Amino acid sequence: MSEALPLMLKELRLPAFGQHFQKYQEHAAENGWSYSQYLAALCEQEVAQRFQSRISNWTREARLPRGKSFATLALNDLPQSVQKQIILLRDDTQ
């Protein structure tokens, strides 16, 4: 069963589970975690990895230069109406 698990996780498209299940299994055994604690830790890794991947995809799709962010944006160079829209977008995402 343990040899088939990585293949099943790949088929289910759970890459973080595949990368971390053994490490967390050992950690869970050492610390007396319940099954739900073990599963929650793996799910947390999967969610975090997917979110990171989404951000990377969005950044690549935006085709912004490296280091470009709201912090480096020169708002004063933009028209007042655009400045207001950008400020609303920035405040809505934080």
PDB file of N, CA and C in Angstrom:
ATOM      1  N   MET A   1       0.819  -1.195   0.000  1.00  0.00           N
ATOM      2  CA  MET A   1       0.000   0.000   0.000  1.00  0.00           C
ATOM      3  C   MET A   1       0.859   1.253   0.000  1.00  0.00           C
ATOM      4  N   SER A   2       1.943   1.267   0.783  1.00  0.00           N
ATOM      5  CA  SER A   2       2.757   2.471   0.878  1.00  0.00           C
ATOM      6  C   SER A   2       3.437   2.816  -0.443  1.00  0.00           C
ATOM      7  N   GLU A   3       3.695   1.804  -1.297  1.00  0.00           N
ATOM      8  CA  GLU A   3       4.290   2.067  -2.610  1.00  0.00           C
ATOM      9  C   GLU A   3       3.276   2.670  -3.566  1.00  0.00           C
ATOM     10  N   ALA A   4       2.014   2.339  -3.390  1.00  0.00           N
ATOM     11  CA  ALA A   4       0.959   2.841  -4.267  1.00  0.00           C
ATOM     12  C   ALA A   4       0.508   4.246  -3.867  1.00  0.00           C
ATOM     13  N   LEU A   5       0.720   4.615  -2.625  1.00  0.00           N
ATOM     14  CA  LEU A   5       0.235   5.910  -2.137  1.00  0.00           C
ATOM     15  C   LEU A   5       0.761   7.093  -2.943  1.00  0.00           C
ATOM     16  N   PRO A   6       2.058   7.216  -3.204  1.00  0.00           N
ATOM     17  CA  PRO A   6       2.521   8.347  -4.014  1.00  0.00           C
ATOM     18  C   PRO A   6       1.878   8.409  -5.401  1.00  0.00           C
ATOM     19  N   LEU A   7       1.650   7.242  -5.997  1.00  0.00           N
ATOM     20  CA  LEU A   7       0.996   7.205  -7.305  1.00  0.00           C
ATOM     21  C   LEU A   7      -0.457   7.671  -7.221  1.00  0.00           C
ATOM     22  N   MET A   8      -1.142   7.260  -6.169  1.00  0.00           N
ATOM     23  CA  MET A   8      -2.535   7.677  -5.994  1.00  0.00           C
ATOM     24  C   MET A   8      -2.626   9.178  -5.716  1.00  0.00           C
ATOM     25  N   LEU A   9      -1.708   9.692  -4.923  1.00  0.00           N
ATOM     26  CA  LEU A   9      -1.707  11.123  -4.632  1.00  0.00           C
ATOM     27  C   LEU A   9      -1.426  11.937  -5.889  1.00  0.00           C
ATOM     28  N   LYS A  10      -0.558  11.419  -6.733  1.00  0.00           N
ATOM     29  CA  LYS A  10      -0.282  12.088  -8.010  1.00  0.00           C
ATOM     30  C   LYS A  10      -1.515  12.061  -8.893  1.00  0.00           C
ATOM     31  N   GLU A  11      -2.172  10.924  -8.954  1.00  0.00           N
ATOM     32  CA  GLU A  11      -3.385  10.784  -9.762  1.00  0.00           C
ATOM     33  C   GLU A  11      -4.492  11.713  -9.255  1.00  0.00           C
ATOM     34  N   LEU A  12      -4.574  11.877  -7.948  1.00  0.00           N
ATOM     35  CA  LEU A  12      -5.582  12.767  -7.359  1.00  0.00           C
ATOM     36  C   LEU A  12      -5.167  14.240  -7.406  1.00  0.00           C
ATOM     37  N   ARG A  13      -3.974  14.488  -7.922  1.00  0.00           N
ATOM     38  CA  ARG A  13      -3.420  15.840  -8.031  1.00  0.00           C
ATOM     39  C   ARG A  13      -3.318  16.516  -6.669  1.00  0.00           C
ATOM     40  N   LEU A  14      -2.642  15.830  -5.770  1.00  0.00           N
ATOM     41  CA  LEU A  14      -2.350  16.337  -4.432  1.00  0.00           C
ATOM     42  C   LEU A  14      -0.834  16.352  -4.238  1.00  0.00           C
ATOM     43  N   PRO A  15      -0.135  17.258  -4.928  1.00  0.00           N
ATOM     44  CA  PRO A  15       1.324  17.231  -4.884  1.00  0.00           C
ATOM     45  C   PRO A  15       1.906  17.499  -3.499  1.00  0.00           C
ATOM     46  N   ALA A  16       1.300  18.369  -2.733  1.00  0.00           N
ATOM     47  CA  ALA A  16       1.839  18.649  -1.393  1.00  0.00           C
ATOM     48  C   ALA A  16       1.688  17.438  -0.482  1.00  0.00           C
ATOM     49  N   PHE A  17       0.595  16.716  -0.626  1.00  0.00           N
ATOM     50  CA  PHE A  17       0.438  15.473   0.138  1.00  0.00           C
ATOM     51  C   PHE A  17       1.581  14.530  -0.202  1.00  0.00           C
ATOM     52  N   GLY A  18       1.856  14.388  -1.496  1.00  0.00           N
ATOM     53  CA  GLY A  18       2.920  13.495  -1.940  1.00  0.00           C
ATOM     54  C   GLY A  18       4.285  13.895  -1.428  1.00  0.00           C
ATOM     55  N   GLN A  19       4.524  15.191  -1.335  1.00  0.00           N
ATOM     56  CA  GLN A  19       5.827  15.673  -0.873  1.00  0.00           C
ATOM     57  C   GLN A  19       5.992  15.561   0.638  1.00  0.00           C
ATOM     58  N   HIS A  20       4.907  15.683   1.385  1.00  0.00           N
ATOM     59  CA  HIS A  20       5.025  15.828   2.836  1.00  0.00           C
ATOM     60  C   HIS A  20       4.454  14.691   3.669  1.00  0.00           C
ATOM     61  N   PHE A  21       3.768  13.717   3.049  1.00  0.00           N
ATOM     62  CA  PHE A  21       3.068  12.744   3.876  1.00  0.00           C
ATOM     63  C   PHE A  21       4.011  11.929   4.756  1.00  0.00           C
ATOM     64  N   GLN A  22       5.192  11.573   4.265  1.00  0.00           N
ATOM     65  CA  GLN A  22       6.113  10.775   5.084  1.00  0.00           C
ATOM     66  C   GLN A  22       6.679  11.592   6.242  1.00  0.00           C
ATOM     67  N   LYS A  23       7.055  12.834   5.956  1.00  0.00           N
ATOM     68  CA  LYS A  23       7.604  13.700   7.013  1.00  0.00           C
ATOM     69  C   LYS A  23       6.569  13.910   8.114  1.00  0.00           C
ATOM     70  N   TYR A  24       5.324  14.203   7.707  1.00  0.00           N
ATOM     71  CA  TYR A  24       4.273  14.421   8.695  1.00  0.00           C
ATOM     72  C   TYR A  24       3.879  13.138   9.401  1.00  0.00           C
ATOM     73  N   GLN A  25       3.988  12.016   8.720  1.00  0.00           N
ATOM     74  CA  GLN A  25       3.685  10.733   9.349  1.00  0.00           C
ATOM     75  C   GLN A  25       4.656  10.481  10.506  1.00  0.00           C
ATOM     76  N   GLU A  26       5.936  10.731  10.262  1.00  0.00           N
ATOM     77  CA  GLU A  26       6.940  10.564  11.320  1.00  0.00           C
ATOM     78  C   GLU A  26       6.708  11.552  12.457  1.00  0.00           C
ATOM     79  N   HIS A  27       6.429  12.787  12.089  1.00  0.00           N
ATOM     80  CA  HIS A  27       6.191  13.823  13.097  1.00  0.00           C
ATOM     81  C   HIS A  27       4.944  13.495  13.924  1.00  0.00           C
ATOM     82  N   ALA A  28       3.905  13.000  13.260  1.00  0.00           N
ATOM     83  CA  ALA A  28       2.670  12.635  13.947  1.00  0.00           C
ATOM     84  C   ALA A  28       2.911  11.481  14.922  1.00  0.00           C
ATOM     85  N   ALA A  29       3.700  10.504  14.495  1.00  0.00           N
ATOM     86  CA  ALA A  29       3.983   9.361  15.368  1.00  0.00           C
ATOM     87  C   ALA A  29       4.786   9.786  16.595  1.00  0.00           C
ATOM     88  N   GLU A  30       5.745  10.679  16.383  1.00  0.00           N
ATOM     89  CA  GLU A  30       6.575  11.159  17.499  1.00  0.00           C
ATOM     90  C   GLU A  30       5.769  11.986  18.497  1.00  0.00           C
ATOM     91  N   ASN A  31       4.793  12.731  18.000  1.00  0.00           N
ATOM     92  CA  ASN A  31       4.052  13.652  18.859  1.00  0.00           C
ATOM     93  C   ASN A  31       2.656  13.174  19.222  1.00  0.00           C
ATOM     94  N   GLY A  32       2.309  11.975  18.832  1.00  0.00           N
ATOM     95  CA  GLY A  32       1.026  11.397  19.208  1.00  0.00           C
ATOM     96  C   GLY A  32      -0.177  12.111  18.600  1.00  0.00           C
ATOM     97  N   TRP A  33      -0.039  12.554  17.357  1.00  0.00           N
ATOM     98  CA  TRP A  33      -1.152  13.229  16.691  1.00  0.00           C
ATOM     99  C   TRP A  33      -2.267  12.235  16.388  1.00  0.00           C
ATOM    100  N   SER A  34      -3.485  12.741  16.382  1.00  0.00           N
ATOM    101  CA  SER A  34      -4.616  11.935  15.931  1.00  0.00           C
ATOM    102  C   SER A  34      -4.616  11.921  14.402  1.00  0.00           C
ATOM    103  N   TYR A  35      -5.461  11.056  13.834  1.00  0.00           N
ATOM    104  CA  TYR A  35      -5.558  11.000  12.374  1.00  0.00           C
ATOM    105  C   TYR A  35      -6.005  12.348  11.805  1.00  0.00           C
ATOM    106  N   SER A  36      -6.941  12.981  12.499  1.00  0.00           N
ATOM    107  CA  SER A  36      -7.453  14.253  11.988  1.00  0.00           C
ATOM    108  C   SER A  36      -6.386  15.348  12.052  1.00  0.00           C
ATOM    109  N   GLN A  37      -5.528  15.325  13.064  1.00  0.00           N
ATOM    110  CA  GLN A  37      -4.437  16.310  13.139  1.00  0.00           C
ATOM    111  C   GLN A  37      -3.442  16.093  11.998  1.00  0.00           C
ATOM    112  N   TYR A  38      -3.138  14.844  11.730  1.00  0.00           N
ATOM    113  CA  TYR A  38      -2.229  14.496  10.633  1.00  0.00           C
ATOM    114  C   TYR A  38      -2.814  14.948   9.299  1.00  0.00           C
ATOM    115  N   LEU A  39      -4.072  14.630   9.080  1.00  0.00           N
ATOM    116  CA  LEU A  39      -4.738  15.002   7.834  1.00  0.00           C
ATOM    117  C   LEU A  39      -4.846  16.521   7.709  1.00  0.00           C
ATOM    118  N   ALA A  40      -5.142  17.197   8.799  1.00  0.00           N
ATOM    119  CA  ALA A  40      -5.242  18.665   8.781  1.00  0.00           C
ATOM    120  C   ALA A  40      -3.905  19.301   8.408  1.00  0.00           C
ATOM    121  N   ALA A  41      -2.814  18.765   8.920  1.00  0.00           N
ATOM    122  CA  ALA A  41      -1.489  19.300   8.594  1.00  0.00           C
ATOM    123  C   ALA A  41      -1.178  19.118   7.112  1.00  0.00           C
ATOM    124  N   LEU A  42      -1.523  17.957   6.570  1.00  0.00           N
ATOM    125  CA  LEU A  42      -1.315  17.729   5.142  1.00  0.00           C
ATOM    126  C   LEU A  42      -2.199  18.646   4.301  1.00  0.00           C
ATOM    127  N   CYS A  43      -3.439  18.806   4.697  1.00  0.00           N
ATOM    128  CA  CYS A  43      -4.352  19.700   3.965  1.00  0.00           C
ATOM    129  C   CYS A  43      -3.857  21.139   4.011  1.00  0.00           C
ATOM    130  N   GLU A  44      -3.341  21.544   5.145  1.00  0.00           N
ATOM    131  CA  GLU A  44      -2.808  22.905   5.273  1.00  0.00           C
ATOM    132  C   GLU A  44      -1.657  23.125   4.290  1.00  0.00           C
ATOM    133  N   GLN A  45      -0.789  22.144   4.157  1.00  0.00           N
ATOM    134  CA  GLN A  45       0.312  22.242   3.197  1.00  0.00           C
ATOM    135  C   GLN A  45      -0.215  22.321   1.763  1.00  0.00           C
ATOM    136  N   GLU A  46      -1.211  21.517   1.458  1.00  0.00           N
ATOM    137  CA  GLU A  46      -1.781  21.506   0.112  1.00  0.00           C
ATOM    138  C   GLU A  46      -2.416  22.851  -0.220  1.00  0.00           C
ATOM    139  N   VAL A  47      -3.184  23.390   0.710  1.00  0.00           N
ATOM    140  CA  VAL A  47      -3.836  24.688   0.497  1.00  0.00           C
ATOM    141  C   VAL A  47      -2.788  25.785   0.312  1.00  0.00           C
ATOM    142  N   ALA A  48      -1.761  25.786   1.145  1.00  0.00           N
ATOM    143  CA  ALA A  48      -0.707  26.803   1.043  1.00  0.00           C
ATOM    144  C   ALA A  48       0.025  26.709  -0.287  1.00  0.00           C
ATOM    145  N   GLN A  49       0.332  25.496  -0.717  1.00  0.00           N
ATOM    146  CA  GLN A  49       1.048  25.313  -1.982  1.00  0.00           C
ATOM    147  C   GLN A  49       0.185  25.743  -3.164  1.00  0.00           C
ATOM    148  N   ARG A  50      -1.096  25.438  -3.114  1.00  0.00           N
ATOM    149  CA  ARG A  50      -1.992  25.852  -4.205  1.00  0.00           C
ATOM    150  C   ARG A  50      -2.134  27.367  -4.253  1.00  0.00           C
ATOM    151  N   PHE A  51      -2.211  27.998  -3.092  1.00  0.00           N
ATOM    152  CA  PHE A  51      -2.321  29.459  -3.052  1.00  0.00           C
ATOM    153  C   PHE A  51      -1.054  30.091  -3.620  1.00  0.00           C
ATOM    154  N   GLN A  52       0.106  29.574  -3.236  1.00  0.00           N
ATOM    155  CA  GLN A  52       1.379  30.077  -3.766  1.00  0.00           C
ATOM    156  C   GLN A  52       1.427  29.916  -5.271  1.00  0.00           C
ATOM    157  N   SER A  53       0.963  28.784  -5.765  1.00  0.00           N
ATOM    158  CA  SER A  53       0.950  28.525  -7.194  1.00  0.00           C
ATOM    159  C   SER A  53       0.020  29.507  -7.913  1.00  0.00           C
ATOM    160  N   ARG A  54      -1.136  29.773  -7.310  1.00  0.00           N
ATOM    161  CA  ARG A  54      -2.070  30.734  -7.892  1.00  0.00           C
ATOM    162  C   ARG A  54      -1.453  32.120  -7.999  1.00  0.00           C
ATOM    163  N   ILE A  55      -0.781  32.537  -6.948  1.00  0.00           N
ATOM    164  CA  ILE A  55      -0.132  33.859  -6.952  1.00  0.00           C
ATOM    165  C   ILE A  55       0.943  33.905  -8.032  1.00  0.00           C
ATOM    166  N   SER A  56       1.713  32.844  -8.158  1.00  0.00           N
ATOM    167  CA  SER A  56       2.740  32.794  -9.199  1.00  0.00           C
ATOM    168  C   SER A  56       2.123  32.884 -10.587  1.00  0.00           C
ATOM    169  N   ASN A  57       1.021  32.172 -10.794  1.00  0.00           N
ATOM    170  CA  ASN A  57       0.342  32.228 -12.087  1.00  0.00           C
ATOM    171  C   ASN A  57      -0.202  33.617 -12.378  1.00  0.00           C
ATOM    172  N   TRP A  58      -0.821  34.237 -11.388  1.00  0.00           N
ATOM    173  CA  TRP A  58      -1.366  35.582 -11.572  1.00  0.00           C
ATOM    174  C   TRP A  58      -0.252  36.584 -11.880  1.00  0.00           C
ATOM    175  N   THR A  59       0.867  36.439 -11.187  1.00  0.00           N
ATOM    176  CA  THR A  59       1.997  37.338 -11.413  1.00  0.00           C
ATOM    177  C   THR A  59       2.542  37.171 -12.819  1.00  0.00           C
ATOM    178  N   ARG A  60       2.676  35.935 -13.261  1.00  0.00           N
ATOM    179  CA  ARG A  60       3.172  35.664 -14.607  1.00  0.00           C
ATOM    180  C   ARG A  60       2.189  36.190 -15.659  1.00  0.00           C
ATOM    181  N   GLU A  61       0.892  35.963 -15.452  1.00  0.00           N
ATOM    182  CA  GLU A  61      -0.121  36.422 -16.400  1.00  0.00           C
ATOM    183  C   GLU A  61      -0.196  37.945 -16.476  1.00  0.00           C
ATOM    184  N   ALA A  62       0.089  38.625 -15.374  1.00  0.00           N
ATOM    185  CA  ALA A  62       0.026  40.085 -15.340  1.00  0.00           C
ATOM    186  C   ALA A  62       1.169  40.716 -16.137  1.00  0.00           C
ATOM    187  N   ARG A  63       2.245  39.951 -16.335  1.00  0.00           N
ATOM    188  CA  ARG A  63       3.419  40.407 -17.078  1.00  0.00           C
ATOM    189  C   ARG A  63       3.987  41.712 -16.519  1.00  0.00           C
ATOM    190  N   LEU A  64       3.929  41.841 -15.228  1.00  0.00           N
ATOM    191  CA  LEU A  64       4.515  43.013 -14.581  1.00  0.00           C
ATOM    192  C   LEU A  64       6.016  42.826 -14.455  1.00  0.00           C
ATOM    193  N   PRO A  65       6.759  43.911 -14.498  1.00  0.00           N
ATOM    194  CA  PRO A  65       8.202  43.791 -14.262  1.00  0.00           C
ATOM    195  C   PRO A  65       8.459  43.294 -12.836  1.00  0.00           C
ATOM    196  N   ARG A  66       9.580  42.619 -12.664  1.00  0.00           N
ATOM    197  CA  ARG A  66       9.941  42.124 -11.326  1.00  0.00           C
ATOM    198  C   ARG A  66      10.009  43.280 -10.340  1.00  0.00           C
ATOM    199  N   GLY A  67       9.498  43.048  -9.143  1.00  0.00           N
ATOM    200  CA  GLY A  67       9.542  44.060  -8.098  1.00  0.00           C
ATOM    201  C   GLY A  67       8.412  45.068  -8.160  1.00  0.00           C
ATOM    202  N   LYS A  68       7.551  44.960  -9.153  1.00  0.00           N
ATOM    203  CA  LYS A  68       6.446  45.899  -9.286  1.00  0.00           C
ATOM    204  C   LYS A  68       5.356  45.520  -8.296  1.00  0.00           C
ATOM    205  N   SER A  69       4.910  46.495  -7.508  1.00  0.00           N
ATOM    206  CA  SER A  69       3.852  46.258  -6.533  1.00  0.00           C
ATOM    207  C   SER A  69       3.169  47.586  -6.233  1.00  0.00           C
ATOM    208  N   PHE A  70       2.153  47.549  -5.405  1.00  0.00           N
ATOM    209  CA  PHE A  70       1.490  48.783  -5.003  1.00  0.00           C
ATOM    210  C   PHE A  70       2.474  49.702  -4.273  1.00  0.00           C
ATOM    211  N   ALA A  71       3.397  49.119  -3.546  1.00  0.00           N
ATOM    212  CA  ALA A  71       4.367  49.913  -2.779  1.00  0.00           C
ATOM    213  C   ALA A  71       5.299  50.704  -3.694  1.00  0.00           C
ATOM    214  N   THR A  72       5.603  50.180  -4.879  1.00  0.00           N
ATOM    215  CA  THR A  72       6.535  50.855  -5.782  1.00  0.00           C
ATOM    216  C   THR A  72       5.822  51.665  -6.863  1.00  0.00           C
ATOM    217  N   LEU A  73       4.509  51.671  -6.859  1.00  0.00           N
ATOM    218  CA  LEU A  73       3.738  52.385  -7.863  1.00  0.00           C
ATOM    219  C   LEU A  73       3.748  53.889  -7.576  1.00  0.00           C
ATOM    220  N   ALA A  74       4.065  54.680  -8.572  1.00  0.00           N
ATOM    221  CA  ALA A  74       4.077  56.140  -8.442  1.00  0.00           C
ATOM    222  C   ALA A  74       2.672  56.661  -8.736  1.00  0.00           C
ATOM    223  N   LEU A  75       1.840  56.713  -7.711  1.00  0.00           N
ATOM    224  CA  LEU A  75       0.455  57.136  -7.893  1.00  0.00           C
ATOM    225  C   LEU A  75       0.347  58.573  -8.395  1.00  0.00           C
ATOM    226  N   ASN A  76       1.249  59.433  -7.988  1.00  0.00           N
ATOM    227  CA  ASN A  76       1.174  60.853  -8.362  1.00  0.00           C
ATOM    228  C   ASN A  76       1.320  61.071  -9.866  1.00  0.00           C
ATOM    229  N   ASP A  77       1.878  60.109 -10.568  1.00  0.00           N
ATOM    230  CA  ASP A  77       2.054  60.228 -12.016  1.00  0.00           C
ATOM    231  C   ASP A  77       0.781  59.879 -12.786  1.00  0.00           C
ATOM    232  N   LEU A  78      -0.231  59.389 -12.088  1.00  0.00           N
ATOM    233  CA  LEU A  78      -1.468  58.939 -12.727  1.00  0.00           C
ATOM    234  C   LEU A  78      -2.586  59.962 -12.530  1.00  0.00           C
ATOM    235  N   PRO A  79      -3.584  59.958 -13.429  1.00  0.00           N
ATOM    236  CA  PRO A  79      -4.723  60.855 -13.254  1.00  0.00           C
ATOM    237  C   PRO A  79      -5.454  60.570 -11.940  1.00  0.00           C
ATOM    238  N   GLN A  80      -6.093  61.578 -11.397  1.00  0.00           N
ATOM    239  CA  GLN A  80      -6.776  61.475 -10.102  1.00  0.00           C
ATOM    240  C   GLN A  80      -7.816  60.350 -10.094  1.00  0.00           C
ATOM    241  N   SER A  81      -8.574  60.213 -11.172  1.00  0.00           N
ATOM    242  CA  SER A  81      -9.616  59.175 -11.221  1.00  0.00           C
ATOM    243  C   SER A  81      -8.999  57.776 -11.161  1.00  0.00           C
ATOM    244  N   VAL A  82      -7.862  57.590 -11.829  1.00  0.00           N
ATOM    245  CA  VAL A  82      -7.178  56.292 -11.813  1.00  0.00           C
ATOM    246  C   VAL A  82      -6.579  56.038 -10.435  1.00  0.00           C
ATOM    247  N   GLN A  83      -6.046  57.085  -9.819  1.00  0.00           N
ATOM    248  CA  GLN A  83      -5.486  56.949  -8.468  1.00  0.00           C
ATOM    249  C   GLN A  83      -6.534  56.417  -7.506  1.00  0.00           C
ATOM    250  N   LYS A  84      -7.747  56.971  -7.572  1.00  0.00           N
ATOM    251  CA  LYS A  84      -8.820  56.533  -6.671  1.00  0.00           C
ATOM    252  C   LYS A  84      -9.167  55.064  -6.895  1.00  0.00           C
ATOM    253  N   GLN A  85      -9.233  54.650  -8.167  1.00  0.00           N
ATOM    254  CA  GLN A  85      -9.539  53.256  -8.471  1.00  0.00           C
ATOM    255  C   GLN A  85      -8.455  52.315  -7.954  1.00  0.00           C
ATOM    256  N   ILE A  86      -7.216  52.709  -8.119  1.00  0.00           N
ATOM    257  CA  ILE A  86      -6.103  51.878  -7.655  1.00  0.00           C
ATOM    258  C   ILE A  86      -6.103  51.771  -6.143  1.00  0.00           C
ATOM    259  N   ILE A  87      -6.367  52.873  -5.475  1.00  0.00           N
ATOM    260  CA  ILE A  87      -6.417  52.861  -4.004  1.00  0.00           C
ATOM    261  C   ILE A  87      -7.540  51.947  -3.527  1.00  0.00           C
ATOM    262  N   LEU A  88      -8.697  51.993  -4.180  1.00  0.00           N
ATOM    263  CA  LEU A  88      -9.799  51.099  -3.825  1.00  0.00           C
ATOM    264  C   LEU A  88      -9.416  49.639  -4.030  1.00  0.00           C
ATOM    265  N   LEU A  89      -8.789  49.340  -5.148  1.00  0.00           N
ATOM    266  CA  LEU A  89      -8.340  47.961  -5.405  1.00  0.00           C
ATOM    267  C   LEU A  89      -7.317  47.511  -4.373  1.00  0.00           C
ATOM    268  N   ARG A  90      -6.366  48.378  -4.077  1.00  0.00           N
ATOM    269  CA  ARG A  90      -5.320  48.035  -3.108  1.00  0.00           C
ATOM    270  C   ARG A  90      -5.929  47.765  -1.737  1.00  0.00           C
ATOM    271  N   ASP A  91      -6.827  48.619  -1.299  1.00  0.00           N
ATOM    272  CA  ASP A  91      -7.428  48.456   0.027  1.00  0.00           C
ATOM    273  C   ASP A  91      -8.349  47.251   0.095  1.00  0.00           C
ATOM    274  N   ASP A  92      -8.953  46.886  -1.032  1.00  0.00           N
ATOM    275  CA  ASP A  92      -9.853  45.743  -1.066  1.00  0.00           C
ATOM    276  C   ASP A  92      -9.111  44.421  -0.985  1.00  0.00           C
ATOM    277  N   THR A  93      -7.871  44.374  -1.435  1.00  0.00           N
ATOM    278  CA  THR A  93      -7.113  43.117  -1.451  1.00  0.00           C
ATOM    279  C   THR A  93      -6.310  42.889  -0.187  1.00  0.00           C
ATOM    280  N   GLN A  94      -6.199  43.850   0.665  1.00  0.00           N
ATOM    281  CA  GLN A  94      -5.375  43.678   1.875  1.00  0.00           C
ATOM    282  C   GLN A  94      -6.160  43.344   3.072  1.00  0.00           C
TER     283      GLN A  94
END
